[in-house]
Amino acid sequence: MATQTKPNRTEAIARLNDRARQGLDRNARVVTTRSCLAAFCDLDNFPAMMLMQAALLRAVRHCTFAETRPERDFAAIPFRDRTIWLTIGYYDAELVNGSEDPADASKTTRVLTIMLPEDY
């Protein structure tokens, strides 16, 4: 396979990130930090926690990205009078090492992390 040019590579990564964010990538993982959930609901109330996770995912699916993030791998999202962050990391299939090529879906497992800025 020929090496992709930078704009094509960037757009390929952005498309794959969008698929993961939209829930269309069955290999992607979604992680919400405990403190992020706790900021918006009682963690001992399982139904409320599940509803909050769904609301956070809805916000992530409908967020916009700054022009400075052409791969669409980070966003600061207004959510219920706070700001949450979305980051997307690129790992190998075993989730041990970084992906050797984030533009290749067969070599990359995406991990979407929803967190508060102070979690970083």
PDB file of N, CA and C in Angstrom:
ATOM      1  N   MET A   1       0.842  -1.180   0.000  1.00  0.00           N
ATOM      2  CA  MET A   1       0.000   0.000   0.000  1.00  0.00           C
ATOM      3  C   MET A   1       0.882   1.236   0.000  1.00  0.00           C
ATOM      4  N   ALA A   2       0.573   2.199  -0.829  1.00  0.00           N
ATOM      5  CA  ALA A   2       1.354   3.432  -0.903  1.00  0.00           C
ATOM      6  C   ALA A   2       1.094   4.284   0.335  1.00  0.00           C
ATOM      7  N   THR A   3       2.104   5.033   0.731  1.00  0.00           N
ATOM      8  CA  THR A   3       1.968   5.916   1.885  1.00  0.00           C
ATOM      9  C   THR A   3       1.000   7.033   1.547  1.00  0.00           C
ATOM     10  N   GLN A   4       0.066   7.305   2.448  1.00  0.00           N
ATOM     11  CA  GLN A   4      -0.901   8.367   2.234  1.00  0.00           C
ATOM     12  C   GLN A   4      -0.235   9.720   2.427  1.00  0.00           C
ATOM     13  N   THR A   5      -0.683  10.709   1.650  1.00  0.00           N
ATOM     14  CA  THR A   5      -0.195  12.064   1.875  1.00  0.00           C
ATOM     15  C   THR A   5      -0.808  12.583   3.157  1.00  0.00           C
ATOM     16  N   LYS A   6      -0.186  13.615   3.750  1.00  0.00           N
ATOM     17  CA  LYS A   6      -0.634  14.119   5.043  1.00  0.00           C
ATOM     18  C   LYS A   6      -2.113  14.505   5.063  1.00  0.00           C
ATOM     19  N   PRO A   7      -2.637  15.305   4.080  1.00  0.00           N
ATOM     20  CA  PRO A   7      -4.074  15.627   4.131  1.00  0.00           C
ATOM     21  C   PRO A   7      -4.955  14.386   4.045  1.00  0.00           C
ATOM     22  N   ASN A   8      -4.592  13.428   3.185  1.00  0.00           N
ATOM     23  CA  ASN A   8      -5.385  12.202   3.078  1.00  0.00           C
ATOM     24  C   ASN A   8      -5.312  11.390   4.359  1.00  0.00           C
ATOM     25  N   ARG A   9      -4.141  11.322   4.950  1.00  0.00           N
ATOM     26  CA  ARG A   9      -3.949  10.596   6.209  1.00  0.00           C
ATOM     27  C   ARG A   9      -4.744  11.263   7.329  1.00  0.00           C
ATOM     28  N   THR A  10      -4.655  12.572   7.416  1.00  0.00           N
ATOM     29  CA  THR A  10      -5.393  13.317   8.437  1.00  0.00           C
ATOM     30  C   THR A  10      -6.890  13.111   8.279  1.00  0.00           C
ATOM     31  N   GLU A  11      -7.386  13.181   7.052  1.00  0.00           N
ATOM     32  CA  GLU A  11      -8.812  12.989   6.813  1.00  0.00           C
ATOM     33  C   GLU A  11      -9.231  11.549   7.109  1.00  0.00           C
ATOM     34  N   ALA A  12      -8.377  10.585   6.807  1.00  0.00           N
ATOM     35  CA  ALA A  12      -8.687   9.183   7.126  1.00  0.00           C
ATOM     36  C   ALA A  12      -8.813   8.999   8.630  1.00  0.00           C
ATOM     37  N   ILE A  13      -7.902   9.585   9.388  1.00  0.00           N
ATOM     38  CA  ILE A  13      -7.962   9.495  10.855  1.00  0.00           C
ATOM     39  C   ILE A  13      -9.219  10.187  11.361  1.00  0.00           C
ATOM     40  N   ALA A  14      -9.531  11.352  10.812  1.00  0.00           N
ATOM     41  CA  ALA A  14     -10.733  12.085  11.236  1.00  0.00           C
ATOM     42  C   ALA A  14     -11.994  11.261  10.979  1.00  0.00           C
ATOM     43  N   ARG A  15     -12.082  10.629   9.810  1.00  0.00           N
ATOM     44  CA  ARG A  15     -13.260   9.799   9.497  1.00  0.00           C
ATOM     45  C   ARG A  15     -13.376   8.623  10.465  1.00  0.00           C
ATOM     46  N   LEU A  16     -12.253   7.976  10.753  1.00  0.00           N
ATOM     47  CA  LEU A  16     -12.274   6.859  11.699  1.00  0.00           C
ATOM     48  C   LEU A  16     -12.649   7.332  13.100  1.00  0.00           C
ATOM     49  N   ASN A  17     -12.154   8.494  13.498  1.00  0.00           N
ATOM     50  CA  ASN A  17     -12.518   9.052  14.802  1.00  0.00           C
ATOM     51  C   ASN A  17     -14.006   9.376  14.860  1.00  0.00           C
ATOM     52  N   ASP A  18     -14.545   9.920  13.777  1.00  0.00           N
ATOM     53  CA  ASP A  18     -15.983  10.208  13.730  1.00  0.00           C
ATOM     54  C   ASP A  18     -16.798   8.921  13.855  1.00  0.00           C
ATOM     55  N   ARG A  19     -16.372   7.875  13.173  1.00  0.00           N
ATOM     56  CA  ARG A  19     -17.085   6.589  13.270  1.00  0.00           C
ATOM     57  C   ARG A  19     -17.080   6.081  14.714  1.00  0.00           C
ATOM     58  N   ALA A  20     -15.938   6.198  15.376  1.00  0.00           N
ATOM     59  CA  ALA A  20     -15.851   5.754  16.777  1.00  0.00           C
ATOM     60  C   ALA A  20     -16.762   6.600  17.662  1.00  0.00           C
ATOM     61  N   ARG A  21     -16.743   7.894  17.449  1.00  0.00           N
ATOM     62  CA  ARG A  21     -17.542   8.815  18.258  1.00  0.00           C
ATOM     63  C   ARG A  21     -19.038   8.586  18.049  1.00  0.00           C
ATOM     64  N   GLN A  22     -19.412   8.197  16.845  1.00  0.00           N
ATOM     65  CA  GLN A  22     -20.820   7.951  16.533  1.00  0.00           C
ATOM     66  C   GLN A  22     -21.284   6.552  16.934  1.00  0.00           C
ATOM     67  N   GLY A  23     -20.383   5.751  17.481  1.00  0.00           N
ATOM     68  CA  GLY A  23     -20.751   4.399  17.908  1.00  0.00           C
ATOM     69  C   GLY A  23     -20.766   3.392  16.770  1.00  0.00           C
ATOM     70  N   LEU A  24     -20.132   3.707  15.653  1.00  0.00           N
ATOM     71  CA  LEU A  24     -20.131   2.819  14.492  1.00  0.00           C
ATOM     72  C   LEU A  24     -18.911   1.918  14.422  1.00  0.00           C
ATOM     73  N   ASP A  25     -17.941   2.145  15.272  1.00  0.00           N
ATOM     74  CA  ASP A  25     -16.722   1.324  15.315  1.00  0.00           C
ATOM     75  C   ASP A  25     -16.874   0.349  16.479  1.00  0.00           C
ATOM     76  N   ARG A  26     -17.137  -0.907  16.166  1.00  0.00           N
ATOM     77  CA  ARG A  26     -17.389  -1.917  17.203  1.00  0.00           C
ATOM     78  C   ARG A  26     -16.148  -2.271  18.011  1.00  0.00           C
ATOM     79  N   ASN A  27     -14.963  -1.892  17.536  1.00  0.00           N
ATOM     80  CA  ASN A  27     -13.735  -2.163  18.283  1.00  0.00           C
ATOM     81  C   ASN A  27     -13.371  -1.034  19.237  1.00  0.00           C
ATOM     82  N   ALA A  28     -13.952   0.127  19.043  1.00  0.00           N
ATOM     83  CA  ALA A  28     -13.622   1.277  19.887  1.00  0.00           C
ATOM     84  C   ALA A  28     -14.113   1.046  21.316  1.00  0.00           C
ATOM     85  N   ARG A  29     -13.411   1.656  22.243  1.00  0.00           N
ATOM     86  CA  ARG A  29     -13.792   1.611  23.665  1.00  0.00           C
ATOM     87  C   ARG A  29     -14.163   3.020  24.096  1.00  0.00           C
ATOM     88  N   VAL A  30     -15.120   3.125  25.008  1.00  0.00           N
ATOM     89  CA  VAL A  30     -15.508   4.417  25.571  1.00  0.00           C
ATOM     90  C   VAL A  30     -15.308   4.338  27.074  1.00  0.00           C
ATOM     91  N   VAL A  31     -14.589   5.316  27.600  1.00  0.00           N
ATOM     92  CA  VAL A  31     -14.307   5.381  29.036  1.00  0.00           C
ATOM     93  C   VAL A  31     -14.784   6.735  29.535  1.00  0.00           C
ATOM     94  N   THR A  32     -15.527   6.727  30.616  1.00  0.00           N
ATOM     95  CA  THR A  32     -15.906   7.967  31.287  1.00  0.00           C
ATOM     96  C   THR A  32     -15.272   7.931  32.664  1.00  0.00           C
ATOM     97  N   THR A  33     -14.552   8.985  33.019  1.00  0.00           N
ATOM     98  CA  THR A  33     -13.896   8.980  34.323  1.00  0.00           C
ATOM     99  C   THR A  33     -14.932   9.031  35.434  1.00  0.00           C
ATOM    100  N   ARG A  34     -14.576   8.434  36.530  1.00  0.00           N
ATOM    101  CA  ARG A  34     -15.462   8.399  37.695  1.00  0.00           C
ATOM    102  C   ARG A  34     -15.816   9.808  38.164  1.00  0.00           C
ATOM    103  N   SER A  35     -14.823  10.687  38.189  1.00  0.00           N
ATOM    104  CA  SER A  35     -15.090  12.047  38.668  1.00  0.00           C
ATOM    105  C   SER A  35     -16.008  12.808  37.715  1.00  0.00           C
ATOM    106  N   CYS A  36     -15.943  12.498  36.431  1.00  0.00           N
ATOM    107  CA  CYS A  36     -16.846  13.137  35.479  1.00  0.00           C
ATOM    108  C   CYS A  36     -18.285  12.703  35.756  1.00  0.00           C
ATOM    109  N   LEU A  37     -18.500  11.415  35.915  1.00  0.00           N
ATOM    110  CA  LEU A  37     -19.844  10.934  36.248  1.00  0.00           C
ATOM    111  C   LEU A  37     -20.320  11.513  37.578  1.00  0.00           C
ATOM    112  N   ALA A  38     -19.438  11.525  38.571  1.00  0.00           N
ATOM    113  CA  ALA A  38     -19.815  12.008  39.900  1.00  0.00           C
ATOM    114  C   ALA A  38     -20.177  13.488  39.893  1.00  0.00           C
ATOM    115  N   ALA A  39     -19.633  14.244  38.957  1.00  0.00           N
ATOM    116  CA  ALA A  39     -19.952  15.671  38.878  1.00  0.00           C
ATOM    117  C   ALA A  39     -21.398  15.910  38.453  1.00  0.00           C
ATOM    118  N   PHE A  40     -22.002  14.902  37.833  1.00  0.00           N
ATOM    119  CA  PHE A  40     -23.340  15.087  37.279  1.00  0.00           C
ATOM    120  C   PHE A  40     -24.414  14.179  37.862  1.00  0.00           C
ATOM    121  N   CYS A  41     -24.021  13.161  38.634  1.00  0.00           N
ATOM    122  CA  CYS A  41     -25.036  12.265  39.190  1.00  0.00           C
ATOM    123  C   CYS A  41     -24.487  11.523  40.409  1.00  0.00           C
ATOM    124  N   ASP A  42     -25.384  10.888  41.115  1.00  0.00           N
ATOM    125  CA  ASP A  42     -25.048  10.063  42.274  1.00  0.00           C
ATOM    126  C   ASP A  42     -24.592   8.695  41.763  1.00  0.00           C
ATOM    127  N   LEU A  43     -23.340   8.347  42.027  1.00  0.00           N
ATOM    128  CA  LEU A  43     -22.798   7.088  41.516  1.00  0.00           C
ATOM    129  C   LEU A  43     -23.432   5.860  42.160  1.00  0.00           C
ATOM    130  N   ASP A  44     -24.115   6.038  43.281  1.00  0.00           N
ATOM    131  CA  ASP A  44     -24.792   4.913  43.927  1.00  0.00           C
ATOM    132  C   ASP A  44     -26.174   4.647  43.328  1.00  0.00           C
ATOM    133  N   ASN A  45     -26.628   5.541  42.471  1.00  0.00           N
ATOM    134  CA  ASN A  45     -27.924   5.390  41.817  1.00  0.00           C
ATOM    135  C   ASN A  45     -27.678   4.889  40.393  1.00  0.00           C
ATOM    136  N   PHE A  46     -27.693   3.562  40.244  1.00  0.00           N
ATOM    137  CA  PHE A  46     -27.321   2.958  38.965  1.00  0.00           C
ATOM    138  C   PHE A  46     -28.175   3.451  37.794  1.00  0.00           C
ATOM    139  N   PRO A  47     -29.499   3.519  37.910  1.00  0.00           N
ATOM    140  CA  PRO A  47     -30.295   4.021  36.769  1.00  0.00           C
ATOM    141  C   PRO A  47     -29.911   5.457  36.397  1.00  0.00           C
ATOM    142  N   ALA A  48     -29.691   6.313  37.387  1.00  0.00           N
ATOM    143  CA  ALA A  48     -29.302   7.696  37.101  1.00  0.00           C
ATOM    144  C   ALA A  48     -27.927   7.747  36.438  1.00  0.00           C
ATOM    145  N   MET A  49     -27.036   6.881  36.888  1.00  0.00           N
ATOM    146  CA  MET A  49     -25.696   6.844  36.310  1.00  0.00           C
ATOM    147  C   MET A  49     -25.766   6.407  34.840  1.00  0.00           C
ATOM    148  N   MET A  50     -26.576   5.429  34.530  1.00  0.00           N
ATOM    149  CA  MET A  50     -26.716   4.966  33.152  1.00  0.00           C
ATOM    150  C   MET A  50     -27.320   6.063  32.268  1.00  0.00           C
ATOM    151  N   LEU A  51     -28.312   6.770  32.788  1.00  0.00           N
ATOM    152  CA  LEU A  51     -28.904   7.879  32.037  1.00  0.00           C
ATOM    153  C   LEU A  51     -27.878   8.987  31.794  1.00  0.00           C
ATOM    154  N   MET A  52     -27.036   9.244  32.793  1.00  0.00           N
ATOM    155  CA  MET A  52     -26.013  10.274  32.635  1.00  0.00           C
ATOM    156  C   MET A  52     -24.984   9.853  31.596  1.00  0.00           C
ATOM    157  N   GLN A  53     -24.577   8.599  31.592  1.00  0.00           N
ATOM    158  CA  GLN A  53     -23.644   8.126  30.573  1.00  0.00           C
ATOM    159  C   GLN A  53     -24.243   8.307  29.179  1.00  0.00           C
ATOM    160  N   ALA A  54     -25.511   8.022  29.041  1.00  0.00           N
ATOM    161  CA  ALA A  54     -26.177   8.204  27.745  1.00  0.00           C
ATOM    162  C   ALA A  54     -26.189   9.682  27.349  1.00  0.00           C
ATOM    163  N   ALA A  55     -26.441  10.569  28.299  1.00  0.00           N
ATOM    164  CA  ALA A  55     -26.441  12.009  28.010  1.00  0.00           C
ATOM    165  C   ALA A  55     -25.048  12.492  27.612  1.00  0.00           C
ATOM    166  N   LEU A  56     -24.018  11.984  28.284  1.00  0.00           N
ATOM    167  CA  LEU A  56     -22.642  12.352  27.935  1.00  0.00           C
ATOM    168  C   LEU A  56     -22.296  11.861  26.524  1.00  0.00           C
ATOM    169  N   LEU A  57     -22.681  10.645  26.203  1.00  0.00           N
ATOM    170  CA  LEU A  57     -22.433  10.112  24.856  1.00  0.00           C
ATOM    171  C   LEU A  57     -23.167  10.926  23.793  1.00  0.00           C
ATOM    172  N   ARG A  58     -24.372  11.352  24.099  1.00  0.00           N
ATOM    173  CA  ARG A  58     -25.133  12.186  23.163  1.00  0.00           C
ATOM    174  C   ARG A  58     -24.385  13.503  22.911  1.00  0.00           C
ATOM    175  N   ALA A  59     -23.841  14.100  23.971  1.00  0.00           N
ATOM    176  CA  ALA A  59     -23.071  15.341  23.820  1.00  0.00           C
ATOM    177  C   ALA A  59     -21.827  15.108  22.980  1.00  0.00           C
ATOM    178  N   VAL A  60     -21.161  13.996  23.183  1.00  0.00           N
ATOM    179  CA  VAL A  60     -19.951  13.660  22.426  1.00  0.00           C
ATOM    180  C   VAL A  60     -20.288  13.443  20.945  1.00  0.00           C
ATOM    181  N   ARG A  61     -21.399  12.804  20.681  1.00  0.00           N
ATOM    182  CA  ARG A  61     -21.775  12.520  19.292  1.00  0.00           C
ATOM    183  C   ARG A  61     -22.143  13.779  18.521  1.00  0.00           C
ATOM    184  N   HIS A  62     -22.570  14.814  19.225  1.00  0.00           N
ATOM    185  CA  HIS A  62     -23.024  16.046  18.567  1.00  0.00           C
ATOM    186  C   HIS A  62     -22.060  17.215  18.755  1.00  0.00           C
ATOM    187  N   CYS A  63     -20.857  16.964  19.216  1.00  0.00           N
ATOM    188  CA  CYS A  63     -19.923  18.062  19.468  1.00  0.00           C
ATOM    189  C   CYS A  63     -19.301  18.568  18.168  1.00  0.00           C
ATOM    190  N   THR A  64     -18.726  19.757  18.254  1.00  0.00           N
ATOM    191  CA  THR A  64     -17.979  20.318  17.132  1.00  0.00           C
ATOM    192  C   THR A  64     -16.521  20.408  17.536  1.00  0.00           C
ATOM    193  N   PHE A  65     -15.655  20.476  16.532  1.00  0.00           N
ATOM    194  CA  PHE A  65     -14.218  20.473  16.776  1.00  0.00           C
ATOM    195  C   PHE A  65     -13.601  21.769  16.289  1.00  0.00           C
ATOM    196  N   ALA A  66     -12.585  22.219  17.005  1.00  0.00           N
ATOM    197  CA  ALA A  66     -11.845  23.411  16.594  1.00  0.00           C
ATOM    198  C   ALA A  66     -11.073  23.101  15.315  1.00  0.00           C
ATOM    199  N   GLU A  67     -10.858  24.117  14.502  1.00  0.00           N
ATOM    200  CA  GLU A  67     -10.094  23.937  13.266  1.00  0.00           C
ATOM    201  C   GLU A  67      -8.679  23.452  13.547  1.00  0.00           C
ATOM    202  N   THR A  68      -8.190  23.711  14.750  1.00  0.00           N
ATOM    203  CA  THR A  68      -6.841  23.280  15.123  1.00  0.00           C
ATOM    204  C   THR A  68      -6.782  21.787  15.431  1.00  0.00           C
ATOM    205  N   ARG A  69      -7.921  21.090  15.362  1.00  0.00           N
ATOM    206  CA  ARG A  69      -7.986  19.644  15.609  1.00  0.00           C
ATOM    207  C   ARG A  69      -8.489  18.929  14.355  1.00  0.00           C
ATOM    208  N   PRO A  70      -7.728  18.937  13.264  1.00  0.00           N
ATOM    209  CA  PRO A  70      -8.224  18.351  12.009  1.00  0.00           C
ATOM    210  C   PRO A  70      -8.471  16.845  12.092  1.00  0.00           C
ATOM    211  N   GLU A  71      -7.821  16.156  13.023  1.00  0.00           N
ATOM    212  CA  GLU A  71      -8.077  14.719  13.183  1.00  0.00           C
ATOM    213  C   GLU A  71      -9.310  14.456  14.049  1.00  0.00           C
ATOM    214  N   ARG A  72      -9.877  15.517  14.603  1.00  0.00           N
ATOM    215  CA  ARG A  72     -11.065  15.430  15.461  1.00  0.00           C
ATOM    216  C   ARG A  72     -10.846  14.426  16.596  1.00  0.00           C
ATOM    217  N   ASP A  73      -9.728  14.630  17.308  1.00  0.00           N
ATOM    218  CA  ASP A  73      -9.340  13.733  18.397  1.00  0.00           C
ATOM    219  C   ASP A  73      -9.433  14.371  19.775  1.00  0.00           C
ATOM    220  N   PHE A  74      -9.854  15.631  19.836  1.00  0.00           N
ATOM    221  CA  PHE A  74     -10.029  16.318  21.117  1.00  0.00           C
ATOM    222  C   PHE A  74     -11.112  17.373  20.954  1.00  0.00           C
ATOM    223  N   ALA A  75     -11.966  17.484  21.970  1.00  0.00           N
ATOM    224  CA  ALA A  75     -12.974  18.545  21.984  1.00  0.00           C
ATOM    225  C   ALA A  75     -13.259  18.946  23.429  1.00  0.00           C
ATOM    226  N   ALA A  76     -13.469  20.227  23.630  1.00  0.00           N
ATOM    227  CA  ALA A  76     -13.972  20.766  24.898  1.00  0.00           C
ATOM    228  C   ALA A  76     -15.452  21.028  24.657  1.00  0.00           C
ATOM    229  N   ILE A  77     -16.302  20.357  25.427  1.00  0.00           N
ATOM    230  CA  ILE A  77     -17.736  20.347  25.157  1.00  0.00           C
ATOM    231  C   ILE A  77     -18.496  20.959  26.331  1.00  0.00           C
ATOM    232  N   PRO A  78     -19.310  21.993  26.089  1.00  0.00           N
ATOM    233  CA  PRO A  78     -20.159  22.496  27.169  1.00  0.00           C
ATOM    234  C   PRO A  78     -21.222  21.455  27.517  1.00  0.00           C
ATOM    235  N   PHE A  79     -21.348  21.183  28.811  1.00  0.00           N
ATOM    236  CA  PHE A  79     -22.315  20.170  29.248  1.00  0.00           C
ATOM    237  C   PHE A  79     -22.823  20.564  30.631  1.00  0.00           C
ATOM    238  N   ARG A  80     -24.101  20.896  30.732  1.00  0.00           N
ATOM    239  CA  ARG A  80     -24.750  21.213  32.012  1.00  0.00           C
ATOM    240  C   ARG A  80     -23.926  22.182  32.862  1.00  0.00           C
ATOM    241  N   ASP A  81     -23.647  23.333  32.313  1.00  0.00           N
ATOM    242  CA  ASP A  81     -22.924  24.415  33.012  1.00  0.00           C
ATOM    243  C   ASP A  81     -21.488  24.066  33.383  1.00  0.00           C
ATOM    244  N   ARG A  82     -20.939  23.047  32.766  1.00  0.00           N
ATOM    245  CA  ARG A  82     -19.533  22.678  32.961  1.00  0.00           C
ATOM    246  C   ARG A  82     -18.924  22.415  31.595  1.00  0.00           C
ATOM    247  N   THR A  83     -17.658  22.141  31.596  1.00  0.00           N
ATOM    248  CA  THR A  83     -16.979  21.731  30.370  1.00  0.00           C
ATOM    249  C   THR A  83     -16.454  20.322  30.576  1.00  0.00           C
ATOM    250  N   ILE A  84     -16.737  19.464  29.613  1.00  0.00           N
ATOM    251  CA  ILE A  84     -16.153  18.122  29.614  1.00  0.00           C
ATOM    252  C   ILE A  84     -15.195  18.044  28.432  1.00  0.00           C
ATOM    253  N   TRP A  85     -14.243  17.157  28.533  1.00  0.00           N
ATOM    254  CA  TRP A  85     -13.304  16.939  27.447  1.00  0.00           C
ATOM    255  C   TRP A  85     -13.532  15.560  26.851  1.00  0.00           C
ATOM    256  N   LEU A  86     -13.368  15.493  25.547  1.00  0.00           N
ATOM    257  CA  LEU A  86     -13.325  14.233  24.821  1.00  0.00           C
ATOM    258  C   LEU A  86     -11.924  14.105  24.244  1.00  0.00           C
ATOM    259  N   THR A  87     -11.269  12.996  24.519  1.00  0.00           N
ATOM    260  CA  THR A  87      -9.994  12.699  23.875  1.00  0.00           C
ATOM    261  C   THR A  87     -10.107  11.335  23.210  1.00  0.00           C
ATOM    262  N   ILE A  88      -9.380  11.167  22.125  1.00  0.00           N
ATOM    263  CA  ILE A  88      -9.347   9.873  21.445  1.00  0.00           C
ATOM    264  C   ILE A  88      -7.891   9.438  21.359  1.00  0.00           C
ATOM    265  N   GLY A  89      -7.615   8.268  21.933  1.00  0.00           N
ATOM    266  CA  GLY A  89      -6.275   7.691  21.882  1.00  0.00           C
ATOM    267  C   GLY A  89      -6.247   6.532  20.910  1.00  0.00           C
ATOM    268  N   TYR A  90      -5.060   6.235  20.392  1.00  0.00           N
ATOM    269  CA  TYR A  90      -4.880   5.196  19.382  1.00  0.00           C
ATOM    270  C   TYR A  90      -3.977   4.105  19.935  1.00  0.00           C
ATOM    271  N   TYR A  91      -4.492   2.896  20.016  1.00  0.00           N
ATOM    272  CA  TYR A  91      -3.755   1.777  20.599  1.00  0.00           C
ATOM    273  C   TYR A  91      -3.733   0.591  19.649  1.00  0.00           C
ATOM    274  N   ASP A  92      -2.846  -0.358  19.948  1.00  0.00           N
ATOM    275  CA  ASP A  92      -2.826  -1.604  19.187  1.00  0.00           C
ATOM    276  C   ASP A  92      -4.019  -2.462  19.617  1.00  0.00           C
ATOM    277  N   ALA A  93      -4.202  -3.589  18.973  1.00  0.00           N
ATOM    278  CA  ALA A  93      -5.366  -4.448  19.234  1.00  0.00           C
ATOM    279  C   ALA A  93      -5.435  -4.940  20.669  1.00  0.00           C
ATOM    280  N   GLU A  94      -4.294  -5.110  21.327  1.00  0.00           N
ATOM    281  CA  GLU A  94      -4.258  -5.600  22.706  1.00  0.00           C
ATOM    282  C   GLU A  94      -4.363  -4.475  23.729  1.00  0.00           C
ATOM    283  N   LEU A  95      -4.453  -3.238  23.268  1.00  0.00           N
ATOM    284  CA  LEU A  95      -4.524  -2.052  24.139  1.00  0.00           C
ATOM    285  C   LEU A  95      -3.308  -1.950  25.061  1.00  0.00           C
ATOM    286  N   VAL A  96      -2.150  -2.355  24.542  1.00  0.00           N
ATOM    287  CA  VAL A  96      -0.913  -2.331  25.317  1.00  0.00           C
ATOM    288  C   VAL A  96      -0.009  -1.199  24.855  1.00  0.00           C
ATOM    289  N   ASN A  97       0.137  -1.074  23.547  1.00  0.00           N
ATOM    290  CA  ASN A  97       1.023  -0.068  22.962  1.00  0.00           C
ATOM    291  C   ASN A  97       0.219   0.878  22.079  1.00  0.00           C
ATOM    292  N   GLY A  98       0.859   1.973  21.722  1.00  0.00           N
ATOM    293  CA  GLY A  98       0.244   2.878  20.771  1.00  0.00           C
ATOM    294  C   GLY A  98       0.129   2.211  19.411  1.00  0.00           C
ATOM    295  N   SER A  99      -0.832   2.665  18.622  1.00  0.00           N
ATOM    296  CA  SER A  99      -1.019   2.118  17.275  1.00  0.00           C
ATOM    297  C   SER A  99       0.136   2.542  16.390  1.00  0.00           C
ATOM    298  N   GLU A 100       0.579   1.629  15.542  1.00  0.00           N
ATOM    299  CA  GLU A 100       1.642   1.974  14.602  1.00  0.00           C
ATOM    300  C   GLU A 100       1.118   2.833  13.461  1.00  0.00           C
ATOM    301  N   ASP A 101      -0.214   2.811  13.219  1.00  0.00           N
ATOM    302  CA  ASP A 101      -0.791   3.614  12.145  1.00  0.00           C
ATOM    303  C   ASP A 101      -2.257   3.921  12.438  1.00  0.00           C
ATOM    304  N   PRO A 102      -2.550   5.069  13.098  1.00  0.00           N
ATOM    305  CA  PRO A 102      -3.935   5.425  13.422  1.00  0.00           C
ATOM    306  C   PRO A 102      -4.852   5.574  12.206  1.00  0.00           C
ATOM    307  N   ALA A 103      -4.278   5.714  11.005  1.00  0.00           N
ATOM    308  CA  ALA A 103      -5.094   5.822   9.795  1.00  0.00           C
ATOM    309  C   ALA A 103      -5.547   4.455   9.288  1.00  0.00           C
ATOM    310  N   ASP A 104      -5.055   3.378   9.903  1.00  0.00           N
ATOM    311  CA  ASP A 104      -5.401   2.015   9.493  1.00  0.00           C
ATOM    312  C   ASP A 104      -6.267   1.376  10.578  1.00  0.00           C
ATOM    313  N   ALA A 105      -7.555   1.243  10.283  1.00  0.00           N
ATOM    314  CA  ALA A 105      -8.503   0.704  11.269  1.00  0.00           C
ATOM    315  C   ALA A 105      -8.151  -0.721  11.686  1.00  0.00           C
ATOM    316  N   SER A 106      -7.505  -1.487  10.819  1.00  0.00           N
ATOM    317  CA  SER A 106      -7.163  -2.867  11.166  1.00  0.00           C
ATOM    318  C   SER A 106      -6.009  -2.951  12.156  1.00  0.00           C
ATOM    319  N   LYS A 107      -5.294  -1.853  12.348  1.00  0.00           N
ATOM    320  CA  LYS A 107      -4.156  -1.834  13.272  1.00  0.00           C
ATOM    321  C   LYS A 107      -4.412  -0.971  14.507  1.00  0.00           C
ATOM    322  N   THR A 108      -5.619  -0.440  14.637  1.00  0.00           N
ATOM    323  CA  THR A 108      -5.870   0.560  15.677  1.00  0.00           C
ATOM    324  C   THR A 108      -7.156   0.289  16.435  1.00  0.00           C
ATOM    325  N   THR A 109      -7.064   0.329  17.756  1.00  0.00           N
ATOM    326  CA  THR A 109      -8.240   0.356  18.616  1.00  0.00           C
ATOM    327  C   THR A 109      -8.322   1.762  19.197  1.00  0.00           C
ATOM    328  N   ARG A 110      -9.422   2.425  18.951  1.00  0.00           N
ATOM    329  CA  ARG A 110      -9.610   3.779  19.454  1.00  0.00           C
ATOM    330  C   ARG A 110     -10.220   3.723  20.850  1.00  0.00           C
ATOM    331  N   VAL A 111      -9.707   4.581  21.729  1.00  0.00           N
ATOM    332  CA  VAL A 111     -10.246   4.702  23.083  1.00  0.00           C
ATOM    333  C   VAL A 111     -10.700   6.140  23.261  1.00  0.00           C
ATOM    334  N   LEU A 112     -12.017   6.308  23.389  1.00  0.00           N
ATOM    335  CA  LEU A 112     -12.599   7.620  23.625  1.00  0.00           C
ATOM    336  C   LEU A 112     -12.719   7.803  25.124  1.00  0.00           C
ATOM    337  N   THR A 113     -12.152   8.872  25.634  1.00  0.00           N
ATOM    338  CA  THR A 113     -12.234   9.154  27.060  1.00  0.00           C
ATOM    339  C   THR A 113     -13.011  10.440  27.260  1.00  0.00           C
ATOM    340  N   ILE A 114     -14.042  10.359  28.098  1.00  0.00           N
ATOM    341  CA  ILE A 114     -14.850  11.516  28.469  1.00  0.00           C
ATOM    342  C   ILE A 114     -14.446  11.868  29.892  1.00  0.00           C
ATOM    343  N   MET A 115     -13.994  13.107  30.093  1.00  0.00           N
ATOM    344  CA  MET A 115     -13.462  13.483  31.393  1.00  0.00           C
ATOM    345  C   MET A 115     -13.696  14.955  31.675  1.00  0.00           C
ATOM    346  N   LEU A 116     -13.438  15.319  32.920  1.00  0.00           N
ATOM    347  CA  LEU A 116     -13.388  16.730  33.280  1.00  0.00           C
ATOM    348  C   LEU A 116     -11.976  17.235  32.998  1.00  0.00           C
ATOM    349  N   PRO A 117     -11.811  18.517  32.724  1.00  0.00           N
ATOM    350  CA  PRO A 117     -10.456  19.039  32.476  1.00  0.00           C
ATOM    351  C   PRO A 117      -9.484  18.712  33.611  1.00  0.00           C
ATOM    352  N   GLU A 118      -9.953  18.745  34.839  1.00  0.00           N
ATOM    353  CA  GLU A 118      -9.053  18.475  35.965  1.00  0.00           C
ATOM    354  C   GLU A 118      -8.650  16.996  36.056  1.00  0.00           C
ATOM    355  N   ASP A 119      -9.307  16.123  35.304  1.00  0.00           N
ATOM    356  CA  ASP A 119      -8.915  14.718  35.272  1.00  0.00           C
ATOM    357  C   ASP A 119      -7.647  14.494  34.456  1.00  0.00           C
ATOM    358  N   TYR A 120      -7.323  15.450  33.602  1.00  0.00           N
ATOM    359  CA  TYR A 120      -6.174  15.302  32.719  1.00  0.00           C
ATOM    360  C   TYR A 120      -4.928  15.451  33.500  1.00  0.00           C
TER     361      TYR A 120
END
